[in-house]
Amino acid sequence: MGMTNKQFQGFVRLTLAQIERALKESPDNKELQELKDIFQLMIEDGN
């Protein structure tokens, strides 16, 4: 059983929100910033 596109987008948005929260605590973390960029692209590609 797979995820629908809507479910996947929800998962991506939830994960992105947590990444953004972590970046507030560690704004210089380049790995987190790269991960945020990837997840942001996933949202943009899904629209």
PDB file of N, CA and C in Angstrom:
ATOM      1  N   MET A   1       0.851  -1.173   0.000  1.00  0.00           N
ATOM      2  CA  MET A   1       0.000   0.000   0.000  1.00  0.00           C
ATOM      3  C   MET A   1       0.898   1.237   0.000  1.00  0.00           C
ATOM      4  N   GLY A   2       0.703   2.087  -0.971  1.00  0.00           N
ATOM      5  CA  GLY A   2       1.532   3.275  -1.108  1.00  0.00           C
ATOM      6  C   GLY A   2       0.828   4.522  -0.600  1.00  0.00           C
ATOM      7  N   MET A   3       1.542   5.602  -0.663  1.00  0.00           N
ATOM      8  CA  MET A   3       1.006   6.900  -0.241  1.00  0.00           C
ATOM      9  C   MET A   3       0.429   7.617  -1.451  1.00  0.00           C
ATOM     10  N   THR A   4      -0.616   8.367  -1.213  1.00  0.00           N
ATOM     11  CA  THR A   4      -1.135   9.224  -2.264  1.00  0.00           C
ATOM     12  C   THR A   4      -0.228  10.445  -2.364  1.00  0.00           C
ATOM     13  N   ASN A   5      -0.350  11.176  -3.457  1.00  0.00           N
ATOM     14  CA  ASN A   5       0.447  12.387  -3.630  1.00  0.00           C
ATOM     15  C   ASN A   5       0.157  13.381  -2.507  1.00  0.00           C
ATOM     16  N   LYS A   6      -1.109  13.481  -2.123  1.00  0.00           N
ATOM     17  CA  LYS A   6      -1.480  14.410  -1.055  1.00  0.00           C
ATOM     18  C   LYS A   6      -0.832  14.002   0.270  1.00  0.00           C
ATOM     19  N   GLN A   7      -0.818  12.716   0.568  1.00  0.00           N
ATOM     20  CA  GLN A   7      -0.184  12.231   1.787  1.00  0.00           C
ATOM     21  C   GLN A   7       1.322  12.495   1.755  1.00  0.00           C
ATOM     22  N   PHE A   8       1.925  12.260   0.600  1.00  0.00           N
ATOM     23  CA  PHE A   8       3.362  12.478   0.463  1.00  0.00           C
ATOM     24  C   PHE A   8       3.698  13.952   0.650  1.00  0.00           C
ATOM     25  N   GLN A   9       2.909  14.832   0.049  1.00  0.00           N
ATOM     26  CA  GLN A   9       3.139  16.267   0.206  1.00  0.00           C
ATOM     27  C   GLN A   9       2.997  16.682   1.669  1.00  0.00           C
ATOM     28  N   GLY A  10       2.045  16.093   2.372  1.00  0.00           N
ATOM     29  CA  GLY A  10       1.883  16.379   3.799  1.00  0.00           C
ATOM     30  C   GLY A  10       3.103  15.951   4.596  1.00  0.00           C
ATOM     31  N   PHE A  11       3.630  14.769   4.264  1.00  0.00           N
ATOM     32  CA  PHE A  11       4.834  14.276   4.922  1.00  0.00           C
ATOM     33  C   PHE A  11       6.017  15.219   4.668  1.00  0.00           C
ATOM     34  N   VAL A  12       6.160  15.654   3.424  1.00  0.00           N
ATOM     35  CA  VAL A  12       7.261  16.556   3.074  1.00  0.00           C
ATOM     36  C   VAL A  12       7.119  17.877   3.825  1.00  0.00           C
ATOM     37  N   ARG A  13       5.912  18.425   3.882  1.00  0.00           N
ATOM     38  CA  ARG A  13       5.693  19.695   4.582  1.00  0.00           C
ATOM     39  C   ARG A  13       5.960  19.563   6.080  1.00  0.00           C
ATOM     40  N   LEU A  14       5.538  18.452   6.677  1.00  0.00           N
ATOM     41  CA  LEU A  14       5.790  18.218   8.098  1.00  0.00           C
ATOM     42  C   LEU A  14       7.290  18.121   8.363  1.00  0.00           C
ATOM     43  N   THR A  15       7.991  17.383   7.524  1.00  0.00           N
ATOM     44  CA  THR A  15       9.437  17.235   7.681  1.00  0.00           C
ATOM     45  C   THR A  15      10.143  18.564   7.483  1.00  0.00           C
ATOM     46  N   LEU A  16       9.714  19.327   6.488  1.00  0.00           N
ATOM     47  CA  LEU A  16      10.312  20.635   6.229  1.00  0.00           C
ATOM     48  C   LEU A  16      10.120  21.567   7.417  1.00  0.00           C
ATOM     49  N   ALA A  17       8.965  21.518   8.049  1.00  0.00           N
ATOM     50  CA  ALA A  17       8.718  22.356   9.228  1.00  0.00           C
ATOM     51  C   ALA A  17       9.685  21.991  10.355  1.00  0.00           C
ATOM     52  N   GLN A  18       9.963  20.702  10.525  1.00  0.00           N
ATOM     53  CA  GLN A  18      10.894  20.284  11.574  1.00  0.00           C
ATOM     54  C   GLN A  18      12.327  20.694  11.236  1.00  0.00           C
ATOM     55  N   ILE A  19      12.680  20.626   9.968  1.00  0.00           N
ATOM     56  CA  ILE A  19      14.011  21.064   9.535  1.00  0.00           C
ATOM     57  C   ILE A  19      14.169  22.562   9.800  1.00  0.00           C
ATOM     58  N   GLU A  20      13.139  23.328   9.482  1.00  0.00           N
ATOM     59  CA  GLU A  20      13.196  24.772   9.721  1.00  0.00           C
ATOM     60  C   GLU A  20      13.320  25.079  11.206  1.00  0.00           C
ATOM     61  N   ARG A  21      12.646  24.319  12.047  1.00  0.00           N
ATOM     62  CA  ARG A  21      12.760  24.500  13.497  1.00  0.00           C
ATOM     63  C   ARG A  21      14.196  24.211  13.953  1.00  0.00           C
ATOM     64  N   ALA A  22      14.779  23.150  13.412  1.00  0.00           N
ATOM     65  CA  ALA A  22      16.158  22.802  13.776  1.00  0.00           C
ATOM     66  C   ALA A  22      17.129  23.873  13.297  1.00  0.00           C
ATOM     67  N   LEU A  23      16.851  24.467  12.143  1.00  0.00           N
ATOM     68  CA  LEU A  23      17.728  25.524  11.630  1.00  0.00           C
ATOM     69  C   LEU A  23      17.677  26.778  12.494  1.00  0.00           C
ATOM     70  N   LYS A  24      16.563  27.020  13.171  1.00  0.00           N
ATOM     71  CA  LYS A  24      16.494  28.171  14.071  1.00  0.00           C
ATOM     72  C   LYS A  24      17.472  28.004  15.224  1.00  0.00           C
ATOM     73  N   GLU A  25      17.670  26.754  15.644  1.00  0.00           N
ATOM     74  CA  GLU A  25      18.598  26.485  16.741  1.00  0.00           C
ATOM     75  C   GLU A  25      20.040  26.379  16.255  1.00  0.00           C
ATOM     76  N   SER A  26      20.218  25.953  15.006  1.00  0.00           N
ATOM     77  CA  SER A  26      21.565  25.795  14.441  1.00  0.00           C
ATOM     78  C   SER A  26      21.602  26.397  13.041  1.00  0.00           C
ATOM     79  N   PRO A  27      21.541  27.717  12.943  1.00  0.00           N
ATOM     80  CA  PRO A  27      21.448  28.352  11.618  1.00  0.00           C
ATOM     81  C   PRO A  27      22.678  28.151  10.732  1.00  0.00           C
ATOM     82  N   ASP A  28      23.798  27.782  11.300  1.00  0.00           N
ATOM     83  CA  ASP A  28      25.020  27.598  10.518  1.00  0.00           C
ATOM     84  C   ASP A  28      25.216  26.158  10.038  1.00  0.00           C
ATOM     85  N   ASN A  29      24.247  25.289  10.311  1.00  0.00           N
ATOM     86  CA  ASN A  29      24.363  23.886   9.934  1.00  0.00           C
ATOM     87  C   ASN A  29      24.107  23.735   8.434  1.00  0.00           C
ATOM     88  N   LYS A  30      25.188  23.553   7.672  1.00  0.00           N
ATOM     89  CA  LYS A  30      25.086  23.484   6.211  1.00  0.00           C
ATOM     90  C   LYS A  30      24.331  22.239   5.745  1.00  0.00           C
ATOM     91  N   GLU A  31      24.472  21.126   6.455  1.00  0.00           N
ATOM     92  CA  GLU A  31      23.765  19.904   6.074  1.00  0.00           C
ATOM     93  C   GLU A  31      22.255  20.086   6.209  1.00  0.00           C
ATOM     94  N   LEU A  32      21.832  20.727   7.295  1.00  0.00           N
ATOM     95  CA  LEU A  32      20.405  21.003   7.472  1.00  0.00           C
ATOM     96  C   LEU A  32      19.894  21.953   6.397  1.00  0.00           C
ATOM     97  N   GLN A  33      20.688  22.943   6.036  1.00  0.00           N
ATOM     98  CA  GLN A  33      20.280  23.891   4.995  1.00  0.00           C
ATOM     99  C   GLN A  33      20.133  23.174   3.653  1.00  0.00           C
ATOM    100  N   GLU A  34      21.063  22.274   3.343  1.00  0.00           N
ATOM    101  CA  GLU A  34      20.975  21.511   2.095  1.00  0.00           C
ATOM    102  C   GLU A  34      19.734  20.620   2.100  1.00  0.00           C
ATOM    103  N   LEU A  35      19.457  19.997   3.234  1.00  0.00           N
ATOM    104  CA  LEU A  35      18.267  19.159   3.352  1.00  0.00           C
ATOM    105  C   LEU A  35      17.002  19.986   3.174  1.00  0.00           C
ATOM    106  N   LYS A  36      16.977  21.167   3.755  1.00  0.00           N
ATOM    107  CA  LYS A  36      15.835  22.063   3.592  1.00  0.00           C
ATOM    108  C   LYS A  36      15.634  22.409   2.121  1.00  0.00           C
ATOM    109  N   ASP A  37      16.725  22.708   1.433  1.00  0.00           N
ATOM    110  CA  ASP A  37      16.643  23.048   0.010  1.00  0.00           C
ATOM    111  C   ASP A  37      16.062  21.890  -0.799  1.00  0.00           C
ATOM    112  N   ILE A  38      16.489  20.672  -0.496  1.00  0.00           N
ATOM    113  CA  ILE A  38      15.981  19.494  -1.195  1.00  0.00           C
ATOM    114  C   ILE A  38      14.490  19.326  -0.954  1.00  0.00           C
ATOM    115  N   PHE A  39      14.069  19.436   0.301  1.00  0.00           N
ATOM    116  CA  PHE A  39      12.653  19.269   0.617  1.00  0.00           C
ATOM    117  C   PHE A  39      11.815  20.393   0.012  1.00  0.00           C
ATOM    118  N   GLN A  40      12.376  21.602  -0.039  1.00  0.00           N
ATOM    119  CA  GLN A  40      11.660  22.719  -0.660  1.00  0.00           C
ATOM    120  C   GLN A  40      11.442  22.440  -2.147  1.00  0.00           C
ATOM    121  N   LEU A  41      12.442  21.888  -2.807  1.00  0.00           N
ATOM    122  CA  LEU A  41      12.302  21.524  -4.219  1.00  0.00           C
ATOM    123  C   LEU A  41      11.244  20.441  -4.407  1.00  0.00           C
ATOM    124  N   MET A  42      11.160  19.506  -3.464  1.00  0.00           N
ATOM    125  CA  MET A  42      10.164  18.450  -3.552  1.00  0.00           C
ATOM    126  C   MET A  42       8.753  19.039  -3.508  1.00  0.00           C
ATOM    127  N   ILE A  43       8.556  20.052  -2.688  1.00  0.00           N
ATOM    128  CA  ILE A  43       7.239  20.712  -2.611  1.00  0.00           C
ATOM    129  C   ILE A  43       6.961  21.449  -3.923  1.00  0.00           C
ATOM    130  N   GLU A  44       7.948  22.169  -4.424  1.00  0.00           N
ATOM    131  CA  GLU A  44       7.763  22.950  -5.647  1.00  0.00           C
ATOM    132  C   GLU A  44       7.510  22.045  -6.843  1.00  0.00           C
ATOM    133  N   ASP A  45       8.197  20.894  -6.901  1.00  0.00           N
ATOM    134  CA  ASP A  45       8.009  19.967  -8.017  1.00  0.00           C
ATOM    135  C   ASP A  45       6.651  19.291  -7.968  1.00  0.00           C
ATOM    136  N   GLY A  46       6.103  19.152  -6.758  1.00  0.00           N
ATOM    137  CA  GLY A  46       4.820  18.470  -6.591  1.00  0.00           C
ATOM    138  C   GLY A  46       3.629  19.350  -6.941  1.00  0.00           C
ATOM    139  N   ASN A  47       3.821  20.646  -7.056  1.00  0.00           N
ATOM    140  CA  ASN A  47       2.704  21.554  -7.366  1.00  0.00           C
ATOM    141  C   ASN A  47       2.515  21.716  -8.841  1.00  0.00           C
TER     142      ASN A  47
END
